[in-house]
Amino acid sequence: MSHHRATALLRRSTLTAALIVSPVAWAATLVSGPSPFAGCTVGGGAGSTNYVNAEVEPYVAVNPANPTNYIGVWQQDRWSDGGAHGLMSAASFDGGATWAPVPQPFSTCAGANALGYERASDPWVSFGPDGTAYSVSISFDHSRNNNAVGAAVSRDGGKSWTNLTTLIADNEPSVQFFNDKESVTADPVKRGVAYAVWDRLELPNDNPYANQHALAFRGPAYLSKTVDGGQTWSAPSVMVNTPSEHQTIGNQIVVNSQTGALYDFFNYIHAPGRSAAASTNSVAFVKSTDGGATWSKPQIIASLQFVPVTDPNTGEALRTGDIIPEPAIDPATGQLYVVWQDGRFSGGTHADIALSTSTDGGQTWSTPKQVNTPTGKAAFNAMVQVNSAGTVAVTYYDIRNLAAGNTTTLPTDYWQITSANGGQSFGSETHLAGSFDMRTAPVARGFFIGDYAGLAAAGTKFVPFFIQTNSGNTANRTDVFVSP
């Protein structure tokens, strides 16, 4: 694939007349290109639709050893019922101006030397202080219950991936387990050290060997650690041991550079009787002061007041990161931040973006505050990051430009808002992208561009890494962009 460069404005050339266009966004660089997996035929099944050339769910990291070197990752060719043909990465060595895409070795579509699973999902990447990049995946089969967490490393800034490792595998006849929503965090100080975390669901599933009558389930959080730059990883250990009818999701570690303390953030779900209506969601974390050997009990930051995101004119669903909190830490002070979607500011009518922060290592947390501009319509997929100057940035999508009565398009915009005083107050928004038509997105339990996006810091600047739809273009529904 060749390098690509375009602006968000040019990508809107296929917008229909009914789509409201916001003021011109910052110029955005196109990262993704034609799918290298387009000819792959594995992973299908009755009722499954594959959206070839559809990229979703991006993430990005900046190399501290070379701050002009970025690596972005995403799902390539999304399936309607979970995962994608494979995961892609792309490397930039000029601060995001040009990109070189590279398939990652996490699914059969990536070739003979990749993990032999039909689909892959949940891409993540993190750089260590020596420039080693760590990437992880959820890899699984659609035709049976085989699933795993995979890891690989890059020592050349993202040009290639090596040391492919299976951190955990639950394959038939072990049919009651599914590993989900993994992430990886490189230690910002210790060379060669990184932490991979995920939840391991223990519940009945659609596999014919599963016990369909079992009501008990749980989803503990697991940890695997490398101390030799990804050459080997520790045997998975339980980090959050959940009781029956409780689970974690969205596990993600941040590291205090001064003290070495690890904080794993997640949504702590209690679902009695597996009833969604009775479920409670809480933004929570556990802490380790011994490099992940032992962990505190879960500490609740705030309730997560879940509100599904829908098109208010049609009632159609958008699948978003509505149960996934996103954390960040100030690299200089250790101040902690977490953002999530929440209905408390609208009386439960729609989702807004909530933020809470701690200045005392997680002992106390601020009352959740609304970060996004109130528009009366949903905001979603919030990300948070802190730069070297201590400025906090939050990015998010919203549908503020959807006019009443418009049922033919779903105008969606991408925004960034910042705080220079530790999250006490936020300034005016920056319009990063849009409007684009969300109705062009792949449909996977709703219009879907991912449960999260990418946001990194390169010194004092921020690097938003995100998806836009190519409005109306069903042959190339989405692409990955960066605002360098």
Protein backbone atom coordinates (compact mmCIF):
# COMPACT_ATOMS: atom_id res chain seq x y z
CA MET A 1 0.00 0.00 0.00
CA SER A 2 1.19 3.47 -0.76
CA HIS A 3 1.25 6.36 1.65
CA HIS A 4 -1.89 8.45 1.75
CA ARG A 5 -2.51 12.05 2.64
CA ALA A 6 -5.78 13.94 2.45
CA THR A 7 -7.85 16.33 4.48
CA ALA A 8 -11.05 15.59 6.33
CA LEU A 9 -12.70 18.25 4.18
CA LEU A 10 -11.88 16.39 0.96
CA ARG A 11 -13.20 13.12 2.40
CA ARG A 12 -16.64 14.75 2.70
CA SER A 13 -17.02 14.94 -1.08
CA THR A 14 -19.58 12.12 -1.06
CA LEU A 15 -21.87 13.67 1.55
CA THR A 16 -25.52 13.76 0.63
CA ALA A 17 -27.37 17.02 0.50
CA ALA A 18 -29.21 16.20 3.70
CA LEU A 19 -26.01 16.05 5.75
CA ILE A 20 -25.21 19.17 7.74
CA VAL A 21 -21.54 20.12 7.49
CA SER A 22 -19.83 21.72 10.48
CA PRO A 23 -17.20 24.45 10.18
CA VAL A 24 -14.04 23.20 8.48
CA ALA A 25 -12.12 20.86 10.76
CA TRP A 26 -8.39 20.79 11.26
CA ALA A 27 -6.59 19.13 8.39
CA ALA A 28 -6.46 15.40 9.05
CA THR A 29 -4.07 12.95 7.44
CA LEU A 30 -5.45 9.74 5.96
CA VAL A 31 -3.62 6.73 7.43
CA SER A 32 -5.37 3.63 6.10
CA GLY A 33 -5.57 2.29 2.55
CA PRO A 34 -6.98 -0.70 0.64
CA SER A 35 -7.33 -3.84 2.74
CA PRO A 36 -4.58 -6.46 2.34
CA PHE A 37 -7.08 -9.01 3.69
CA ALA A 38 -9.76 -8.39 1.06
CA GLY A 39 -9.23 -11.80 -0.57
CA CYS A 40 -9.30 -13.75 2.70
CA THR A 41 -12.24 -16.16 2.88
CA VAL A 42 -11.95 -17.56 6.42
CA GLY A 43 -14.13 -16.59 9.35
CA GLY A 44 -17.53 -16.39 7.70
CA GLY A 45 -20.74 -18.12 8.61
CA ALA A 46 -24.51 -17.95 8.34
CA GLY A 47 -25.70 -14.47 9.18
CA SER A 48 -22.21 -12.93 9.12
CA THR A 49 -21.48 -9.89 6.97
CA ASN A 50 -17.92 -8.78 6.30
CA TYR A 51 -17.31 -5.12 5.53
CA VAL A 52 -14.22 -5.25 3.33
CA ASN A 53 -12.12 -2.06 3.50
CA ALA A 54 -13.92 -1.00 6.68
CA GLU A 55 -11.49 0.07 9.42
CA VAL A 56 -12.72 0.48 13.00
CA GLU A 57 -11.41 0.86 16.55
CA PRO A 58 -8.01 2.59 16.21
CA TYR A 59 -5.34 3.17 18.83
CA VAL A 60 -2.02 5.02 18.72
CA ALA A 61 1.27 5.33 20.63
CA VAL A 62 4.23 7.73 20.40
CA ASN A 63 7.83 6.52 20.75
CA PRO A 64 9.49 8.30 23.72
CA ALA A 65 12.90 7.44 22.25
CA ASN A 66 11.94 9.18 18.97
CA PRO A 67 8.86 11.42 19.38
CA THR A 68 8.32 11.70 15.62
CA ASN A 69 7.76 7.93 15.44
CA TYR A 70 4.11 6.94 15.86
CA ILE A 71 2.45 3.52 15.59
CA GLY A 72 -1.28 3.24 14.98
CA VAL A 73 -3.35 0.04 15.03
CA TRP A 74 -6.92 -0.83 14.03
CA GLN A 75 -9.35 -3.58 13.05
CA GLN A 76 -9.37 -4.26 9.30
CA ASP A 77 -12.49 -5.57 7.50
CA ARG A 78 -14.96 -5.63 10.36
CA TRP A 79 -17.46 -8.48 10.72
CA SER A 80 -21.07 -7.76 11.67
CA ASP A 81 -21.00 -10.28 14.52
CA GLY A 82 -17.60 -9.71 16.09
CA GLY A 83 -13.99 -9.06 15.22
CA ALA A 84 -12.36 -8.48 11.86
CA HIS A 85 -10.35 -10.27 9.19
CA GLY A 86 -7.29 -9.08 11.08
CA LEU A 87 -5.48 -6.24 12.76
CA MET A 88 -3.40 -3.65 10.94
CA SER A 89 -0.66 -1.33 12.12
CA ALA A 90 0.93 1.68 10.46
CA ALA A 91 4.18 3.44 11.28
CA SER A 92 5.08 7.09 10.85
CA PHE A 93 8.58 8.52 11.26
CA ASP A 94 7.73 12.14 10.46
CA GLY A 95 5.24 13.08 13.16
CA GLY A 96 2.22 11.64 11.37
CA ALA A 97 2.66 13.22 7.93
CA THR A 98 3.15 9.88 6.13
CA TRP A 99 2.38 6.32 7.13
CA ALA A 100 3.48 2.82 6.12
CA PRO A 101 0.76 0.19 6.83
CA VAL A 102 1.82 -3.29 8.01
CA PRO A 103 -0.47 -6.28 8.79
CA GLN A 104 -0.15 -7.65 12.31
CA PRO A 105 0.28 -11.41 12.87
CA PHE A 106 -2.87 -12.04 14.88
CA SER A 107 -5.19 -13.95 12.51
CA THR A 108 -5.14 -16.48 9.69
CA CYS A 109 -5.73 -13.73 7.13
CA ALA A 110 -2.29 -12.30 8.00
CA GLY A 111 -0.49 -15.37 6.65
CA ALA A 112 1.19 -18.61 7.59
CA ASN A 113 3.32 -17.19 10.40
CA ALA A 114 0.38 -15.56 12.20
CA LEU A 115 -1.87 -16.90 14.94
CA GLY A 116 -4.22 -19.43 13.37
CA TYR A 117 -7.52 -17.92 14.43
CA GLU A 118 -10.28 -16.84 12.06
CA ARG A 119 -10.79 -13.32 13.44
CA ALA A 120 -9.03 -10.69 15.55
CA SER A 121 -10.21 -7.71 17.55
CA ASP A 122 -9.41 -5.03 20.14
CA PRO A 123 -6.08 -3.68 18.81
CA TRP A 124 -3.73 -1.96 21.27
CA VAL A 125 -0.16 -0.66 21.20
CA SER A 126 2.26 0.88 23.72
CA PHE A 127 5.89 2.08 23.50
CA GLY A 128 8.53 1.47 26.16
CA PRO A 129 11.28 3.98 27.03
CA ASP A 130 13.78 2.17 24.79
CA GLY A 131 11.55 2.37 21.71
CA THR A 132 10.25 -1.20 21.91
CA ALA A 133 6.58 -1.31 20.93
CA TYR A 134 4.19 -3.90 22.37
CA SER A 135 0.93 -4.87 20.68
CA VAL A 136 -1.83 -7.26 21.70
CA SER A 137 -4.99 -8.77 20.26
CA ILE A 138 -8.03 -10.85 20.97
CA SER A 139 -7.90 -13.66 18.42
CA PHE A 140 -10.74 -16.15 18.03
CA ASP A 141 -12.66 -18.51 15.78
CA HIS A 142 -16.22 -17.88 14.67
CA SER A 143 -16.85 -21.52 13.80
CA ARG A 144 -16.00 -22.83 17.28
CA ASN A 145 -15.09 -21.53 20.74
CA ASN A 146 -11.31 -21.29 20.30
CA ASN A 147 -9.98 -17.94 21.50
CA ALA A 148 -6.75 -16.40 22.77
CA VAL A 149 -4.86 -13.25 23.71
CA GLY A 150 -1.87 -12.68 21.45
CA ALA A 151 1.15 -10.38 21.82
CA ALA A 152 3.92 -9.20 19.50
CA VAL A 153 6.68 -6.60 19.61
CA SER A 154 8.32 -4.21 17.19
CA ARG A 155 11.90 -3.04 17.64
CA ASP A 156 12.05 -0.99 14.44
CA GLY A 157 9.37 1.59 15.13
CA GLY A 158 6.52 -0.43 13.65
CA LYS A 159 8.07 -1.59 10.36
CA SER A 160 7.77 -5.23 11.45
CA TRP A 161 6.38 -7.40 14.28
CA THR A 162 8.25 -10.26 15.95
CA ASN A 163 8.14 -12.49 19.05
CA LEU A 164 4.55 -13.54 18.42
CA THR A 165 3.32 -15.06 21.69
CA THR A 166 0.05 -16.58 22.87
CA LEU A 167 -0.51 -15.21 26.38
CA ILE A 168 -3.53 -17.39 27.03
CA ALA A 169 -5.59 -19.78 24.90
CA ASP A 170 -8.97 -21.32 25.71
CA ASN A 171 -9.62 -23.79 22.93
CA GLU A 172 -12.01 -26.69 22.64
CA PRO A 173 -12.89 -28.72 24.61
CA SER A 174 -12.58 -25.85 27.14
CA VAL A 175 -15.77 -24.15 26.00
CA GLN A 176 -16.89 -22.04 28.95
CA PHE A 177 -14.26 -19.29 28.67
CA PHE A 178 -13.78 -16.26 26.45
CA ASN A 179 -10.91 -13.79 26.78
CA ASP A 180 -11.98 -10.24 25.99
CA LYS A 181 -11.04 -6.54 25.87
CA GLU A 182 -7.30 -6.72 26.38
CA SER A 183 -4.81 -3.85 26.53
CA VAL A 184 -1.06 -3.50 26.99
CA THR A 185 0.94 -0.83 28.83
CA ALA A 186 4.70 -0.50 28.59
CA ASP A 187 6.37 0.65 31.80
CA PRO A 188 7.43 4.26 31.12
CA VAL A 189 10.66 3.91 33.13
CA LYS A 190 11.71 0.24 33.16
CA ARG A 191 13.17 -0.95 29.87
CA GLY A 192 11.73 -4.20 28.61
CA VAL A 193 8.77 -4.26 31.02
CA ALA A 194 5.16 -4.27 29.87
CA TYR A 195 1.82 -5.36 31.32
CA ALA A 196 -0.99 -7.05 29.36
CA VAL A 197 -4.43 -7.23 30.98
CA TRP A 198 -7.85 -8.56 29.97
CA ASP A 199 -11.06 -10.06 31.33
CA ARG A 200 -11.75 -13.79 31.05
CA LEU A 201 -15.45 -14.47 30.87
CA GLU A 202 -16.66 -17.69 32.43
CA LEU A 203 -20.18 -18.20 31.16
CA PRO A 204 -22.36 -20.24 28.83
CA ASN A 205 -21.96 -19.39 25.17
CA ASP A 206 -23.14 -20.59 21.76
CA ASN A 207 -20.71 -23.48 21.55
CA PRO A 208 -22.70 -26.76 21.34
CA TYR A 209 -20.69 -28.26 24.21
CA ALA A 210 -21.45 -25.44 26.63
CA ASN A 211 -23.82 -25.86 29.57
CA GLN A 212 -26.70 -23.72 28.40
CA HIS A 213 -28.50 -24.00 31.74
CA ALA A 214 -25.76 -22.55 33.92
CA LEU A 215 -26.75 -19.22 35.45
CA ALA A 216 -23.54 -18.46 37.33
CA PHE A 217 -20.92 -16.48 35.48
CA ARG A 218 -18.06 -14.15 36.25
CA GLY A 219 -15.34 -12.19 34.53
CA PRO A 220 -12.12 -11.84 36.53
CA ALA A 221 -9.26 -9.68 35.26
CA TYR A 222 -5.97 -11.31 34.28
CA LEU A 223 -2.40 -10.03 34.00
CA SER A 224 0.62 -11.22 32.03
CA LYS A 225 3.94 -9.38 32.31
CA THR A 226 7.15 -9.30 30.31
CA VAL A 227 10.49 -8.18 31.73
CA ASP A 228 12.64 -9.03 28.69
CA GLY A 229 11.11 -6.88 25.97
CA GLY A 230 8.40 -9.32 24.94
CA GLN A 231 10.63 -12.34 24.38
CA THR A 232 8.75 -14.16 27.17
CA TRP A 233 5.63 -13.39 29.19
CA SER A 234 4.58 -14.59 32.63
CA ALA A 235 1.85 -17.16 33.08
CA PRO A 236 -1.50 -15.33 33.39
CA SER A 237 -2.49 -14.50 36.95
CA VAL A 238 -5.75 -13.21 38.40
CA MET A 239 -5.58 -9.50 39.10
CA VAL A 240 -9.23 -8.87 40.04
CA ASN A 241 -10.97 -11.96 41.41
CA THR A 242 -14.70 -11.43 40.85
CA PRO A 243 -17.50 -13.29 42.62
CA SER A 244 -20.32 -14.98 40.74
CA GLU A 245 -22.45 -12.64 38.58
CA HIS A 246 -19.74 -9.96 38.60
CA GLN A 247 -17.28 -9.13 35.86
CA THR A 248 -14.68 -6.60 34.81
CA ILE A 249 -14.34 -5.09 31.35
CA GLY A 250 -12.06 -2.48 29.83
CA ASN A 251 -9.02 -3.26 31.99
CA GLN A 252 -6.23 -0.78 31.32
CA ILE A 253 -3.09 -0.02 33.33
CA VAL A 254 -1.41 3.34 33.85
CA VAL A 255 1.92 3.64 35.65
CA ASN A 256 3.19 6.29 38.05
CA SER A 257 6.66 7.14 36.72
CA GLN A 258 7.88 8.42 40.10
CA THR A 259 6.65 5.69 42.45
CA GLY A 260 6.26 2.75 40.09
CA ALA A 261 2.67 2.16 41.29
CA LEU A 262 0.37 0.43 38.80
CA TYR A 263 -3.31 1.37 38.51
CA ASP A 264 -5.66 -0.91 36.57
CA PHE A 265 -8.95 0.79 35.66
CA PHE A 266 -12.09 -1.05 34.54
CA ASN A 267 -15.86 -1.17 34.61
CA TYR A 268 -16.96 -3.35 37.50
CA ILE A 269 -20.27 -4.91 36.48
CA HIS A 270 -22.78 -6.64 38.74
CA ALA A 271 -25.40 -8.45 36.69
CA PRO A 272 -27.66 -10.52 38.97
CA GLY A 273 -29.34 -13.29 37.02
CA ARG A 274 -27.61 -12.02 33.88
CA SER A 275 -30.35 -9.40 33.49
CA ALA A 276 -29.18 -6.29 31.65
CA ALA A 277 -31.98 -4.27 33.23
CA ALA A 278 -30.76 -5.14 36.72
CA SER A 279 -27.06 -4.64 36.02
CA THR A 280 -25.01 -1.98 37.75
CA ASN A 281 -21.83 -0.49 36.28
CA SER A 282 -19.10 1.19 38.31
CA VAL A 283 -15.87 2.93 37.31
CA ALA A 284 -13.28 1.17 39.47
CA PHE A 285 -9.57 0.45 39.84
CA VAL A 286 -7.07 -1.74 41.65
CA LYS A 287 -3.55 -0.72 42.63
CA SER A 288 -0.24 -2.56 42.85
CA THR A 289 2.94 -1.29 44.50
CA ASP A 290 5.05 -4.38 43.78
CA GLY A 291 5.07 -4.51 39.98
CA GLY A 292 1.82 -6.44 39.67
CA ALA A 293 2.62 -9.28 42.09
CA THR A 294 -0.26 -8.30 44.39
CA TRP A 295 -3.23 -5.96 43.99
CA SER A 296 -5.61 -4.05 46.22
CA LYS A 297 -9.29 -4.87 46.34
CA PRO A 298 -11.45 -3.01 43.79
CA GLN A 299 -12.09 0.61 44.73
CA ILE A 300 -15.13 2.35 43.26
CA ILE A 301 -14.63 5.83 41.79
CA ALA A 302 -18.22 6.49 40.69
CA SER A 303 -21.24 4.81 39.23
CA LEU A 304 -21.28 4.50 35.47
CA GLN A 305 -24.81 5.49 34.51
CA PHE A 306 -25.22 3.62 31.26
CA VAL A 307 -27.37 5.11 28.50
CA PRO A 308 -27.37 3.46 25.07
CA VAL A 309 -26.55 5.75 22.16
CA THR A 310 -29.24 5.92 19.48
CA ASP A 311 -30.27 8.08 16.56
CA PRO A 312 -32.99 10.18 18.26
CA ASN A 313 -34.90 10.50 14.98
CA THR A 314 -35.06 6.80 14.11
CA GLY A 315 -34.23 4.93 17.31
CA GLU A 316 -31.48 3.00 15.53
CA ALA A 317 -28.54 2.00 17.70
CA LEU A 318 -24.95 3.17 17.61
CA ARG A 319 -22.54 0.72 19.18
CA THR A 320 -20.08 2.78 21.24
CA GLY A 321 -17.72 2.49 24.20
CA ASP A 322 -20.61 3.06 26.58
CA ILE A 323 -19.33 0.68 29.27
CA ILE A 324 -15.59 1.31 28.82
CA PRO A 325 -13.83 3.86 31.08
CA GLU A 326 -10.59 5.40 29.78
CA PRO A 327 -7.78 6.45 32.19
CA ALA A 328 -4.69 8.65 31.98
CA ILE A 329 -1.93 9.79 34.33
CA ASP A 330 0.11 12.99 34.43
CA PRO A 331 3.69 11.79 33.78
CA ALA A 332 5.17 14.50 36.03
CA THR A 333 2.79 14.66 38.99
CA GLY A 334 1.02 11.30 39.01
CA GLN A 335 -2.42 12.94 38.95
CA LEU A 336 -4.96 10.38 37.74
CA TYR A 337 -7.83 10.98 35.33
CA VAL A 338 -10.64 8.80 34.04
CA VAL A 339 -13.41 9.57 31.54
CA TRP A 340 -16.51 7.65 30.52
CA GLN A 341 -19.97 7.96 28.94
CA ASP A 342 -22.67 8.80 31.46
CA GLY A 343 -26.35 9.74 31.56
CA ARG A 344 -26.33 11.62 34.89
CA PHE A 345 -26.05 15.09 33.33
CA SER A 346 -29.12 14.65 31.10
CA GLY A 347 -31.43 12.89 33.51
CA GLY A 348 -30.76 9.65 31.66
CA THR A 349 -31.95 10.88 28.26
CA HIS A 350 -28.58 10.65 26.50
CA ALA A 351 -24.88 10.07 27.13
CA ASP A 352 -22.44 12.84 27.91
CA ILE A 353 -18.76 12.64 28.84
CA ALA A 354 -17.89 12.46 32.55
CA LEU A 355 -14.46 13.04 34.10
CA SER A 356 -13.13 12.35 37.58
CA THR A 357 -9.61 13.00 38.84
CA SER A 358 -7.44 12.12 41.84
CA THR A 359 -4.41 14.03 43.14
CA ASP A 360 -3.62 11.65 46.00
CA GLY A 361 -2.87 8.37 44.27
CA GLY A 362 -6.48 7.25 44.06
CA GLN A 363 -7.40 7.68 47.73
CA THR A 364 -10.05 10.27 46.86
CA TRP A 365 -11.71 11.28 43.60
CA SER A 366 -13.46 14.41 42.42
CA THR A 367 -17.20 14.45 41.80
CA PRO A 368 -17.80 13.50 38.15
CA LYS A 369 -18.16 16.57 35.93
CA GLN A 370 -19.40 16.96 32.40
CA VAL A 371 -16.56 17.65 29.97
CA ASN A 372 -18.23 17.83 26.56
CA THR A 373 -20.18 20.89 25.44
CA PRO A 374 -23.87 20.37 26.29
CA THR A 375 -25.80 20.00 23.04
CA GLY A 376 -28.86 18.01 24.04
CA LYS A 377 -27.59 15.06 22.00
CA ALA A 378 -25.29 12.13 22.71
CA ALA A 379 -21.50 12.31 23.00
CA PHE A 380 -19.48 9.09 22.98
CA ASN A 381 -16.11 7.28 22.71
CA ALA A 382 -14.21 9.64 25.00
CA MET A 383 -10.44 9.39 25.31
CA VAL A 384 -8.17 11.26 27.74
CA GLN A 385 -4.47 12.05 27.71
CA VAL A 386 -1.99 14.33 29.56
CA ASN A 387 0.94 15.96 27.79
CA SER A 388 4.39 16.88 29.12
CA ALA A 389 3.15 20.32 30.22
CA GLY A 390 0.36 18.84 32.33
CA THR A 391 -2.40 19.87 29.91
CA VAL A 392 -5.29 17.42 29.80
CA ALA A 393 -7.04 16.65 26.51
CA VAL A 394 -10.33 14.81 26.05
CA THR A 395 -11.60 13.76 22.61
CA TYR A 396 -15.08 12.53 21.74
CA TYR A 397 -17.68 12.18 19.00
CA ASP A 398 -21.14 13.70 19.11
CA ILE A 399 -24.26 14.02 16.94
CA ARG A 400 -25.10 17.66 17.69
CA ASN A 401 -25.55 18.45 13.98
CA LEU A 402 -28.40 15.99 13.47
CA ALA A 403 -31.44 18.07 12.56
CA ALA A 404 -34.91 17.17 13.77
CA GLY A 405 -36.67 15.06 11.17
CA ASN A 406 -33.51 13.98 9.35
CA THR A 407 -33.82 10.21 8.97
CA THR A 408 -31.58 9.78 5.91
CA THR A 409 -28.18 10.70 7.37
CA LEU A 410 -26.59 10.80 10.83
CA PRO A 411 -24.11 13.72 10.92
CA THR A 412 -21.30 13.00 13.38
CA ASP A 413 -18.38 15.20 14.45
CA TYR A 414 -15.15 14.69 16.35
CA TRP A 415 -13.94 17.15 19.00
CA GLN A 416 -11.06 17.86 21.38
CA ILE A 417 -11.25 19.93 24.54
CA THR A 418 -8.40 20.77 26.92
CA SER A 419 -7.73 21.82 30.50
CA ALA A 420 -4.59 23.58 31.76
CA ASN A 421 -5.55 23.43 35.45
CA GLY A 422 -5.71 19.74 36.26
CA GLY A 423 -9.24 19.20 34.99
CA GLN A 424 -10.85 21.88 37.13
CA SER A 425 -12.14 23.64 34.02
CA PHE A 426 -11.99 23.08 30.27
CA GLY A 427 -11.68 25.64 27.48
CA SER A 428 -13.35 25.86 24.09
CA GLU A 429 -13.54 22.88 21.78
CA THR A 430 -11.38 22.19 18.75
CA HIS A 431 -13.28 20.65 15.85
CA LEU A 432 -11.14 17.76 14.62
CA ALA A 433 -13.34 16.16 11.97
CA GLY A 434 -16.80 15.99 10.44
CA SER A 435 -19.56 16.16 9.82
CA PHE A 436 -19.59 12.66 8.36
CA ASP A 437 -22.50 10.26 8.00
CA MET A 438 -22.49 7.60 10.71
CA ARG A 439 -25.09 5.64 8.76
CA THR A 440 -22.31 4.59 6.35
CA ALA A 441 -20.44 2.79 9.17
CA PRO A 442 -20.40 -1.01 9.44
CA VAL A 443 -23.35 -2.40 11.39
CA ALA A 444 -22.29 -4.56 14.34
CA ARG A 445 -25.10 -4.38 16.90
CA GLY A 446 -25.49 -0.79 15.71
CA PHE A 447 -23.53 1.64 13.56
CA PHE A 448 -19.98 0.91 14.64
CA ILE A 449 -16.63 2.71 14.35
CA GLY A 450 -15.18 1.20 17.54
CA ASP A 451 -15.49 1.05 21.30
CA TYR A 452 -12.58 3.48 21.55
CA ALA A 453 -10.29 5.73 19.52
CA GLY A 454 -6.64 6.74 19.85
CA LEU A 455 -5.18 9.73 21.68
CA ALA A 456 -1.49 10.09 22.52
CA ALA A 457 0.82 12.89 23.62
CA ALA A 458 4.03 13.82 21.79
CA GLY A 459 5.74 16.31 24.10
CA THR A 460 3.33 19.21 24.47
CA LYS A 461 1.11 18.30 21.52
CA PHE A 462 -1.66 15.75 21.25
CA VAL A 463 -2.12 13.11 18.55
CA PRO A 464 -5.80 12.21 17.96
CA PHE A 465 -6.12 8.99 15.92
CA PHE A 466 -9.67 8.25 14.83
CA ILE A 467 -12.20 6.87 12.36
CA GLN A 468 -14.39 8.78 9.93
CA THR A 469 -16.90 7.28 7.54
CA ASN A 470 -16.63 7.96 3.82
CA SER A 471 -20.21 9.14 3.69
CA GLY A 472 -22.31 7.13 1.27
CA ASN A 473 -19.40 5.02 0.00
CA THR A 474 -20.38 1.43 0.78
CA ALA A 475 -17.28 0.03 -0.98
CA ASN A 476 -15.00 1.89 1.46
CA ARG A 477 -17.16 2.70 4.46
CA THR A 478 -14.49 4.00 6.85
CA ASP A 479 -10.88 5.10 7.10
CA VAL A 480 -8.36 5.89 9.81
CA PHE A 481 -7.18 9.50 10.22
CA VAL A 482 -4.73 11.36 12.41
CA SER A 483 -4.55 15.02 13.36
CA PRO A 484 -0.76 15.49 13.64
